[in-house]
Amino acid sequence: MSRELMPLFVDLSGRRCLVVGAGEVGTRRAELLAAHGARVCVVGPDATSRLRELVAAGVVGEWRQRAYRTGDAEGCALVVAATDRREVNRVVAADAARAGALVNVADAPEEGDVVVPSVVRRGELAIAVTTGGASPTLARRVRQDLERSYGPEWGPLTALLGELRPRLVAHRPAAGERRAAVDRLLASAVSDLLAAGDRAAAERLARRILLDEDPGPVAPAPAPMVEA
């Protein structure tokens, strides 16, 4: 049955999240949650060597070396059911829903209310792709295409726009003017300069475009390398 999922980025910093299942999938989910600031508890009778390392390093806060018990989901913002037994995952999902937690069922996304997307991340820029669980392979392919289209320079470009935004808002109070200025920046050589590692020249050009400043000469963008 098709579902209309709302794309949503959630701040899990400091919030308790439970992962049931300590195998490869559970380990990946636990590491992902921990990387985004969640307080992660993993439940499972056995664990991968990677999960044991994460627990020993304090990255994952807790590993309960036992089977899931009703009540483990209490007080959690998000629960991930990632065991290799569908019946257990269904019990975990039902318990988590009763506890008011969001639920991700790793092997059957349609049985939960959260789907973990395939993500391209460039600094503060995050592009998420999901098929709602219909085809993870398709989502991965689209993500790979996006990775080629949006190179590493988009991270510093996003950071630069964030730094200049307060002055841009003050200099151009009208939203339409701001959008037009940012469009001009995106069509300029700023990203090429960032790709070449010349952050100073990129910032000078960005300030000229966004703020009408004249901070000095801007070096031309480097010509693309052409193989003989």
Foldseek 3Di string as FASTA:
>chain_A
DDDDADDDDDQQAAFEEEEEAAEPVSLVVQLVCLVRHHAYEYEEQDHDPSSVVCCVVCSHPYYHNHHDDQPPLARGQEYEYEHPDPVSSLVSQVSNVVNVHFYAYPVCRVSTNDDQFDWDDQAPDIDTFDPSPPDNVVRVVVSVVVCVVDDNLVNVVVVLCVVCVVVLCVQDVDPVVQVVLVVVLVVDCLSLCSVVVNNVLSNQVSCCSRVVDRPDDHDDRDDDDDDD
